[in-house]
């Protein structure tokens, strides 16, 4: 279990308050598919996601990015219970979807990049370190049901 200081909790909440799920969600998922093209294998039902243009214009990509950030919103609100909160989602990704758990780390990196682009100089080294600690806890929780 991750220990959070009051400052870390308030920092994570402050960063998250600046995130517009409808704006950032599609950006992060498009970035995942563009930067890590092998991840497209998990999204056969999304149609054409084989070029950057196709990815950026794909409504299913945009919608999934929003779903991911809505799940991240739950983690922001439940920082002490992430493993329990994500247990079923972790199991789904492991057993049914067969997602390589390292992809959660790659996604976390894409989230950090999108947030850095949004916050610019407000993402100080201290804020970034706290945000990345938070995302590392999310990655750990999403990987918790893997054997």
N, C-alpha and C. Protein backbone atom coordinates (compact mmCIF):
# COMPACT_ATOMS: atom_id res chain seq x y z
N UNK A 1 0.84 -1.18 0.00
CA UNK A 1 0.00 0.00 0.00
C UNK A 1 0.88 1.25 0.00
N UNK A 2 0.53 2.18 -0.83
CA UNK A 2 1.29 3.42 -0.94
C UNK A 2 0.86 4.36 0.18
N UNK A 3 1.83 5.01 0.77
CA UNK A 3 1.56 6.02 1.80
C UNK A 3 1.56 7.39 1.13
N UNK A 4 0.55 8.18 1.42
CA UNK A 4 0.41 9.51 0.83
C UNK A 4 0.47 10.58 1.91
N UNK A 5 1.25 11.60 1.67
CA UNK A 5 1.23 12.76 2.57
C UNK A 5 0.06 13.65 2.17
N UNK A 6 -0.29 14.56 3.04
CA UNK A 6 -1.36 15.51 2.71
C UNK A 6 -0.97 16.36 1.50
N UNK A 7 0.30 16.72 1.42
CA UNK A 7 0.77 17.51 0.28
C UNK A 7 0.65 16.71 -1.01
N UNK A 8 1.01 15.43 -0.98
CA UNK A 8 0.89 14.60 -2.18
C UNK A 8 -0.57 14.46 -2.61
N UNK A 9 -1.44 14.25 -1.65
CA UNK A 9 -2.87 14.14 -1.97
C UNK A 9 -3.38 15.42 -2.62
N UNK A 10 -3.04 16.54 -2.04
CA UNK A 10 -3.52 17.81 -2.60
C UNK A 10 -2.87 18.10 -3.96
N UNK A 11 -1.63 17.68 -4.14
CA UNK A 11 -0.96 17.88 -5.42
C UNK A 11 -1.63 17.05 -6.52
N UNK A 12 -1.92 15.79 -6.23
CA UNK A 12 -2.60 14.93 -7.22
C UNK A 12 -3.96 15.54 -7.56
N UNK A 13 -4.70 15.96 -6.56
CA UNK A 13 -6.02 16.56 -6.82
C UNK A 13 -5.89 17.84 -7.64
N UNK A 14 -4.89 18.65 -7.33
CA UNK A 14 -4.69 19.91 -8.06
C UNK A 14 -4.36 19.66 -9.52
N UNK A 15 -3.51 18.68 -9.78
CA UNK A 15 -3.21 18.32 -11.17
C UNK A 15 -4.48 17.84 -11.86
N UNK A 16 -5.20 16.95 -11.20
CA UNK A 16 -6.38 16.34 -11.81
C UNK A 16 -7.47 17.37 -12.10
N UNK A 17 -7.59 18.38 -11.27
CA UNK A 17 -8.59 19.43 -11.49
C UNK A 17 -8.37 20.16 -12.81
N UNK A 18 -7.15 20.14 -13.30
CA UNK A 18 -6.82 20.82 -14.55
C UNK A 18 -7.02 19.94 -15.79
N UNK A 19 -7.38 18.69 -15.56
CA UNK A 19 -7.55 17.74 -16.66
C UNK A 19 -8.99 17.76 -17.15
N UNK A 20 -9.15 18.02 -18.43
CA UNK A 20 -10.46 17.92 -19.09
C UNK A 20 -10.49 16.55 -19.76
N UNK A 21 -11.28 15.65 -19.22
CA UNK A 21 -11.32 14.27 -19.73
C UNK A 21 -11.66 14.24 -21.22
N UNK A 22 -12.58 15.10 -21.65
CA UNK A 22 -12.97 15.11 -23.06
C UNK A 22 -11.85 15.59 -23.98
N UNK A 23 -10.95 16.39 -23.45
CA UNK A 23 -9.81 16.88 -24.24
C UNK A 23 -8.62 15.92 -24.15
N UNK A 24 -8.23 15.56 -22.94
CA UNK A 24 -7.01 14.79 -22.72
C UNK A 24 -7.22 13.30 -23.03
N UNK A 25 -8.40 12.77 -22.75
CA UNK A 25 -8.66 11.34 -22.98
C UNK A 25 -8.33 10.90 -24.40
N UNK A 26 -8.91 11.54 -25.41
CA UNK A 26 -8.58 11.15 -26.79
C UNK A 26 -7.10 11.33 -27.11
N UNK A 27 -6.47 12.35 -26.54
CA UNK A 27 -5.05 12.59 -26.80
C UNK A 27 -4.19 11.45 -26.28
N UNK A 28 -4.49 11.00 -25.06
CA UNK A 28 -3.62 9.97 -24.48
C UNK A 28 -3.76 8.65 -25.21
N UNK A 29 -4.99 8.31 -25.58
CA UNK A 29 -5.16 7.01 -26.23
C UNK A 29 -4.59 7.04 -27.64
N UNK A 30 -4.74 8.16 -28.33
CA UNK A 30 -4.12 8.29 -29.65
C UNK A 30 -2.60 8.19 -29.53
N UNK A 31 -2.04 8.82 -28.51
CA UNK A 31 -0.59 8.78 -28.31
C UNK A 31 -0.11 7.35 -28.07
N UNK A 32 -0.85 6.60 -27.26
CA UNK A 32 -0.49 5.20 -27.00
C UNK A 32 -0.42 4.43 -28.31
N UNK A 33 -1.45 4.55 -29.13
CA UNK A 33 -1.51 3.78 -30.38
C UNK A 33 -0.47 4.24 -31.41
N UNK A 34 -0.15 5.52 -31.40
CA UNK A 34 0.83 6.04 -32.36
C UNK A 34 2.25 5.70 -31.93
N UNK A 35 2.56 5.92 -30.67
CA UNK A 35 3.93 5.72 -30.17
C UNK A 35 4.24 4.24 -29.96
N UNK A 36 3.24 3.47 -29.58
CA UNK A 36 3.41 2.04 -29.31
C UNK A 36 2.46 1.26 -30.22
N UNK A 37 2.75 1.19 -31.52
CA UNK A 37 1.80 0.62 -32.48
C UNK A 37 1.42 -0.83 -32.22
N UNK A 38 2.24 -1.59 -31.51
CA UNK A 38 1.88 -2.98 -31.23
C UNK A 38 0.65 -3.07 -30.33
N UNK A 39 0.29 -1.98 -29.64
CA UNK A 39 -0.89 -2.01 -28.77
C UNK A 39 -2.19 -2.08 -29.56
N UNK A 40 -2.12 -1.80 -30.85
CA UNK A 40 -3.35 -1.86 -31.67
C UNK A 40 -3.94 -3.26 -31.69
N UNK A 41 -3.14 -4.27 -31.40
CA UNK A 41 -3.64 -5.66 -31.46
C UNK A 41 -4.78 -5.91 -30.47
N UNK A 42 -4.89 -5.07 -29.44
CA UNK A 42 -5.95 -5.23 -28.46
C UNK A 42 -7.25 -4.57 -28.89
N UNK A 43 -7.22 -3.86 -30.00
CA UNK A 43 -8.37 -3.04 -30.39
C UNK A 43 -8.86 -3.34 -31.80
N UNK A 44 -8.99 -4.61 -32.11
CA UNK A 44 -9.46 -5.03 -33.42
C UNK A 44 -10.84 -4.51 -33.76
N UNK A 45 -11.65 -4.26 -32.76
CA UNK A 45 -13.01 -3.77 -33.01
C UNK A 45 -13.06 -2.27 -33.30
N UNK A 46 -11.91 -1.60 -33.23
CA UNK A 46 -11.89 -0.16 -33.44
C UNK A 46 -11.85 0.22 -34.92
N UNK A 47 -11.73 -0.75 -35.81
CA UNK A 47 -11.65 -0.44 -37.23
C UNK A 47 -10.24 -0.03 -37.62
N UNK A 48 -10.15 0.93 -38.54
CA UNK A 48 -8.86 1.37 -39.06
C UNK A 48 -8.12 2.21 -38.02
N UNK A 49 -7.06 1.65 -37.49
CA UNK A 49 -6.16 2.39 -36.58
C UNK A 49 -4.71 2.13 -36.99
N UNK A 50 -4.49 2.10 -38.28
CA UNK A 50 -3.19 1.72 -38.81
C UNK A 50 -2.34 2.89 -39.28
N UNK A 51 -2.90 4.10 -39.25
CA UNK A 51 -2.13 5.30 -39.58
C UNK A 51 -2.43 6.36 -38.53
N UNK A 52 -1.56 7.33 -38.44
CA UNK A 52 -1.77 8.41 -37.48
C UNK A 52 -3.07 9.13 -37.75
N UNK A 53 -3.36 9.44 -39.00
CA UNK A 53 -4.59 10.13 -39.35
C UNK A 53 -5.81 9.32 -38.95
N UNK A 54 -5.77 8.02 -39.22
CA UNK A 54 -6.90 7.16 -38.87
C UNK A 54 -7.11 7.12 -37.36
N UNK A 55 -6.03 7.05 -36.62
CA UNK A 55 -6.12 7.02 -35.16
C UNK A 55 -6.72 8.32 -34.64
N UNK A 56 -6.22 9.44 -35.12
CA UNK A 56 -6.67 10.75 -34.64
C UNK A 56 -8.12 11.03 -34.98
N UNK A 57 -8.65 10.39 -36.01
CA UNK A 57 -10.04 10.61 -36.44
C UNK A 57 -10.98 9.49 -36.02
N UNK A 58 -10.49 8.54 -35.24
CA UNK A 58 -11.29 7.38 -34.87
C UNK A 58 -12.09 7.68 -33.60
N UNK A 59 -13.40 7.65 -33.70
CA UNK A 59 -14.25 7.97 -32.55
C UNK A 59 -14.13 6.94 -31.43
N UNK A 60 -13.84 5.69 -31.78
CA UNK A 60 -13.68 4.66 -30.74
C UNK A 60 -12.39 4.89 -29.94
N UNK A 61 -11.36 5.37 -30.59
CA UNK A 61 -10.11 5.71 -29.89
C UNK A 61 -10.40 6.83 -28.90
N UNK A 62 -11.08 7.87 -29.37
CA UNK A 62 -11.40 9.01 -28.51
C UNK A 62 -12.27 8.57 -27.33
N UNK A 63 -13.26 7.75 -27.59
CA UNK A 63 -14.16 7.30 -26.53
C UNK A 63 -13.41 6.45 -25.50
N UNK A 64 -12.52 5.59 -25.97
CA UNK A 64 -11.78 4.75 -25.02
C UNK A 64 -10.85 5.57 -24.14
N UNK A 65 -10.24 6.59 -24.72
CA UNK A 65 -9.40 7.49 -23.92
C UNK A 65 -10.19 8.14 -22.79
N UNK A 66 -11.43 8.51 -23.08
CA UNK A 66 -12.28 9.10 -22.04
C UNK A 66 -12.61 8.07 -20.97
N UNK A 67 -12.87 6.84 -21.37
CA UNK A 67 -13.16 5.76 -20.40
C UNK A 67 -11.97 5.55 -19.48
N UNK A 68 -10.77 5.55 -20.05
CA UNK A 68 -9.56 5.36 -19.26
C UNK A 68 -9.42 6.47 -18.22
N UNK A 69 -9.65 7.71 -18.65
CA UNK A 69 -9.50 8.81 -17.70
C UNK A 69 -10.63 8.86 -16.68
N UNK A 70 -11.80 8.38 -17.05
CA UNK A 70 -12.88 8.27 -16.05
C UNK A 70 -12.49 7.25 -14.98
N UNK A 71 -11.82 6.18 -15.37
CA UNK A 71 -11.32 5.21 -14.40
C UNK A 71 -10.21 5.83 -13.55
N UNK A 72 -9.39 6.67 -14.14
CA UNK A 72 -8.34 7.35 -13.39
C UNK A 72 -8.95 8.33 -12.39
N UNK A 73 -10.05 8.94 -12.73
CA UNK A 73 -10.76 9.83 -11.82
C UNK A 73 -11.13 9.09 -10.54
N UNK A 74 -11.53 7.84 -10.67
CA UNK A 74 -11.87 7.03 -9.50
C UNK A 74 -10.65 6.82 -8.61
N UNK A 75 -9.49 6.67 -9.23
CA UNK A 75 -8.26 6.50 -8.45
C UNK A 75 -7.91 7.77 -7.69
N UNK A 76 -8.11 8.92 -8.32
CA UNK A 76 -7.85 10.19 -7.65
C UNK A 76 -8.74 10.31 -6.41
N UNK A 77 -9.96 9.85 -6.53
CA UNK A 77 -10.92 9.95 -5.42
C UNK A 77 -10.77 8.84 -4.39
N UNK A 78 -10.00 7.81 -4.71
CA UNK A 78 -9.83 6.65 -3.82
C UNK A 78 -8.37 6.24 -3.73
N UNK A 79 -7.51 7.17 -3.41
CA UNK A 79 -6.07 6.92 -3.45
C UNK A 79 -5.62 5.82 -2.48
N UNK A 80 -6.37 5.58 -1.44
CA UNK A 80 -5.98 4.57 -0.46
C UNK A 80 -6.53 3.18 -0.78
N UNK A 81 -7.39 3.08 -1.77
CA UNK A 81 -8.05 1.81 -2.06
C UNK A 81 -7.92 1.40 -3.52
N UNK A 82 -6.87 1.81 -4.17
CA UNK A 82 -6.73 1.55 -5.61
C UNK A 82 -6.71 0.07 -5.96
N UNK A 83 -5.96 -0.72 -5.21
CA UNK A 83 -5.88 -2.15 -5.55
C UNK A 83 -7.24 -2.81 -5.47
N UNK A 84 -7.98 -2.54 -4.45
CA UNK A 84 -9.31 -3.12 -4.31
C UNK A 84 -10.26 -2.56 -5.37
N UNK A 85 -10.16 -1.25 -5.60
CA UNK A 85 -11.03 -0.60 -6.56
C UNK A 85 -10.79 -1.13 -7.99
N UNK A 86 -9.53 -1.39 -8.33
CA UNK A 86 -9.18 -1.84 -9.68
C UNK A 86 -9.09 -3.37 -9.81
N UNK A 87 -9.39 -4.11 -8.78
CA UNK A 87 -9.22 -5.57 -8.82
C UNK A 87 -9.97 -6.21 -9.98
N UNK A 88 -11.23 -5.90 -10.14
CA UNK A 88 -12.02 -6.51 -11.22
C UNK A 88 -11.51 -6.07 -12.59
N UNK A 89 -11.15 -4.81 -12.72
CA UNK A 89 -10.63 -4.30 -13.99
C UNK A 89 -9.28 -4.95 -14.32
N UNK A 90 -8.46 -5.13 -13.31
CA UNK A 90 -7.18 -5.81 -13.50
C UNK A 90 -7.39 -7.25 -13.96
N UNK A 91 -8.31 -7.93 -13.31
CA UNK A 91 -8.61 -9.32 -13.67
C UNK A 91 -9.15 -9.41 -15.10
N UNK A 92 -10.00 -8.49 -15.49
CA UNK A 92 -10.53 -8.44 -16.87
C UNK A 92 -9.38 -8.29 -17.86
N UNK A 93 -8.48 -7.37 -17.60
CA UNK A 93 -7.37 -7.14 -18.52
C UNK A 93 -6.42 -8.33 -18.57
N UNK A 94 -6.31 -9.05 -17.47
CA UNK A 94 -5.44 -10.23 -17.43
C UNK A 94 -6.10 -11.44 -18.09
N UNK A 95 -7.27 -11.82 -17.63
CA UNK A 95 -7.87 -13.08 -18.06
C UNK A 95 -8.58 -12.99 -19.41
N UNK A 96 -9.38 -11.98 -19.62
CA UNK A 96 -10.18 -11.92 -20.84
C UNK A 96 -9.46 -11.18 -21.98
N UNK A 97 -8.92 -10.01 -21.66
CA UNK A 97 -8.32 -9.19 -22.71
C UNK A 97 -6.87 -9.55 -22.99
N UNK A 98 -6.22 -10.23 -22.04
CA UNK A 98 -4.84 -10.68 -22.17
C UNK A 98 -3.88 -9.54 -22.52
N UNK A 99 -4.03 -8.45 -21.80
CA UNK A 99 -3.18 -7.28 -22.01
C UNK A 99 -1.88 -7.46 -21.25
N UNK A 100 -0.78 -7.23 -21.92
CA UNK A 100 0.53 -7.25 -21.28
C UNK A 100 0.55 -6.13 -20.23
N UNK A 101 0.83 -6.45 -18.97
CA UNK A 101 0.75 -5.41 -17.93
C UNK A 101 1.75 -4.28 -18.11
N UNK A 102 2.80 -4.48 -18.89
CA UNK A 102 3.74 -3.38 -19.13
C UNK A 102 3.07 -2.25 -19.91
N UNK A 103 1.99 -2.56 -20.61
CA UNK A 103 1.27 -1.52 -21.33
C UNK A 103 0.66 -0.49 -20.39
N UNK A 104 0.37 -0.86 -19.15
CA UNK A 104 -0.15 0.11 -18.18
C UNK A 104 0.89 1.19 -17.89
N UNK A 105 2.15 0.78 -17.82
CA UNK A 105 3.24 1.75 -17.60
C UNK A 105 3.38 2.67 -18.80
N UNK A 106 3.26 2.10 -20.00
CA UNK A 106 3.36 2.92 -21.21
C UNK A 106 2.22 3.93 -21.25
N UNK A 107 1.04 3.49 -20.88
CA UNK A 107 -0.11 4.40 -20.82
C UNK A 107 0.14 5.50 -19.80
N UNK A 108 0.68 5.14 -18.64
CA UNK A 108 0.97 6.15 -17.62
C UNK A 108 1.94 7.20 -18.15
N UNK A 109 2.93 6.77 -18.92
CA UNK A 109 3.87 7.72 -19.52
C UNK A 109 3.14 8.67 -20.47
N UNK A 110 2.22 8.14 -21.26
CA UNK A 110 1.46 8.98 -22.20
C UNK A 110 0.56 9.96 -21.46
N UNK A 111 0.02 9.53 -20.34
CA UNK A 111 -0.80 10.43 -19.52
C UNK A 111 0.06 11.57 -18.98
N UNK A 112 1.24 11.23 -18.49
CA UNK A 112 2.15 12.26 -17.97
C UNK A 112 2.52 13.26 -19.06
N UNK A 113 2.80 12.77 -20.25
CA UNK A 113 3.17 13.66 -21.36
C UNK A 113 2.01 14.61 -21.69
N UNK A 114 0.80 14.09 -21.77
CA UNK A 114 -0.36 14.93 -22.07
C UNK A 114 -0.57 15.98 -20.98
N UNK A 115 -0.38 15.58 -19.74
CA UNK A 115 -0.54 16.53 -18.63
C UNK A 115 0.57 17.57 -18.66
N UNK A 116 1.78 17.15 -18.98
CA UNK A 116 2.89 18.10 -19.09
C UNK A 116 2.62 19.13 -20.19
N UNK A 117 2.07 18.69 -21.29
CA UNK A 117 1.73 19.61 -22.39
C UNK A 117 0.66 20.60 -21.95
N UNK A 118 -0.25 20.14 -21.13
CA UNK A 118 -1.34 20.99 -20.63
C UNK A 118 -0.83 21.97 -19.57
N UNK A 119 -0.07 21.49 -18.59
CA UNK A 119 0.32 22.31 -17.45
C UNK A 119 1.57 23.15 -17.71
N UNK A 120 2.38 22.71 -18.64
CA UNK A 120 3.63 23.39 -18.99
C UNK A 120 4.48 23.64 -17.73
N UNK A 121 4.84 24.89 -17.45
CA UNK A 121 5.75 25.19 -16.34
C UNK A 121 5.12 24.93 -14.97
N UNK A 122 3.81 24.79 -14.90
CA UNK A 122 3.16 24.47 -13.61
C UNK A 122 3.48 23.04 -13.17
N UNK A 123 3.94 22.23 -14.10
CA UNK A 123 4.35 20.86 -13.74
C UNK A 123 5.82 20.93 -13.31
N UNK A 124 6.01 21.41 -12.10
CA UNK A 124 7.36 21.53 -11.56
C UNK A 124 7.92 20.13 -11.31
N UNK A 125 9.21 20.02 -11.09
CA UNK A 125 9.77 18.69 -10.78
C UNK A 125 9.09 18.02 -9.59
N UNK A 126 8.75 18.78 -8.57
CA UNK A 126 8.09 18.20 -7.40
C UNK A 126 6.68 17.72 -7.74
N UNK A 127 5.95 18.51 -8.50
CA UNK A 127 4.60 18.12 -8.91
C UNK A 127 4.67 16.88 -9.81
N UNK A 128 5.60 16.89 -10.74
CA UNK A 128 5.75 15.75 -11.63
C UNK A 128 6.10 14.48 -10.85
N UNK A 129 6.98 14.59 -9.89
CA UNK A 129 7.36 13.42 -9.09
C UNK A 129 6.15 12.87 -8.35
N UNK A 130 5.34 13.73 -7.78
CA UNK A 130 4.15 13.28 -7.07
C UNK A 130 3.16 12.65 -8.04
N UNK A 131 2.96 13.29 -9.19
CA UNK A 131 2.03 12.75 -10.18
C UNK A 131 2.50 11.37 -10.65
N UNK A 132 3.79 11.22 -10.88
CA UNK A 132 4.30 9.93 -11.34
C UNK A 132 4.24 8.88 -10.24
N UNK A 133 4.36 9.27 -9.00
CA UNK A 133 4.16 8.34 -7.89
C UNK A 133 2.71 7.84 -7.90
N UNK A 134 1.79 8.76 -8.13
CA UNK A 134 0.37 8.40 -8.22
C UNK A 134 0.13 7.41 -9.36
N UNK A 135 0.65 7.73 -10.54
CA UNK A 135 0.45 6.84 -11.68
C UNK A 135 1.13 5.49 -11.48
N UNK A 136 2.27 5.46 -10.80
CA UNK A 136 2.93 4.19 -10.50
C UNK A 136 2.03 3.34 -9.60
N UNK A 137 1.33 3.97 -8.68
CA UNK A 137 0.40 3.23 -7.82
C UNK A 137 -0.78 2.70 -8.64
N UNK A 138 -1.24 3.47 -9.62
CA UNK A 138 -2.31 3.01 -10.50
C UNK A 138 -1.83 1.81 -11.32
N UNK A 139 -0.64 1.90 -11.87
CA UNK A 139 -0.07 0.80 -12.65
C UNK A 139 0.04 -0.46 -11.78
N UNK A 140 0.51 -0.29 -10.57
CA UNK A 140 0.62 -1.42 -9.65
C UNK A 140 -0.76 -2.03 -9.38
N UNK A 141 -1.75 -1.18 -9.17
CA UNK A 141 -3.11 -1.69 -8.91
C UNK A 141 -3.68 -2.40 -10.13
N UNK A 142 -3.42 -1.86 -11.32
CA UNK A 142 -3.93 -2.50 -12.54
C UNK A 142 -3.21 -3.80 -12.84
N UNK A 143 -2.03 -3.98 -12.30
CA UNK A 143 -1.26 -5.20 -12.50
C UNK A 143 -1.46 -6.21 -11.36
N UNK A 144 -2.22 -5.85 -10.37
CA UNK A 144 -2.29 -6.62 -9.13
C UNK A 144 -2.92 -8.01 -9.29
N UNK A 145 -3.75 -8.24 -10.28
CA UNK A 145 -4.41 -9.52 -10.44
C UNK A 145 -3.68 -10.45 -11.41
N UNK A 146 -2.54 -9.98 -11.93
CA UNK A 146 -1.75 -10.81 -12.82
C UNK A 146 -0.94 -11.80 -12.00
N UNK A 147 -0.75 -12.99 -12.50
CA UNK A 147 0.00 -14.01 -11.77
C UNK A 147 1.43 -14.02 -12.21
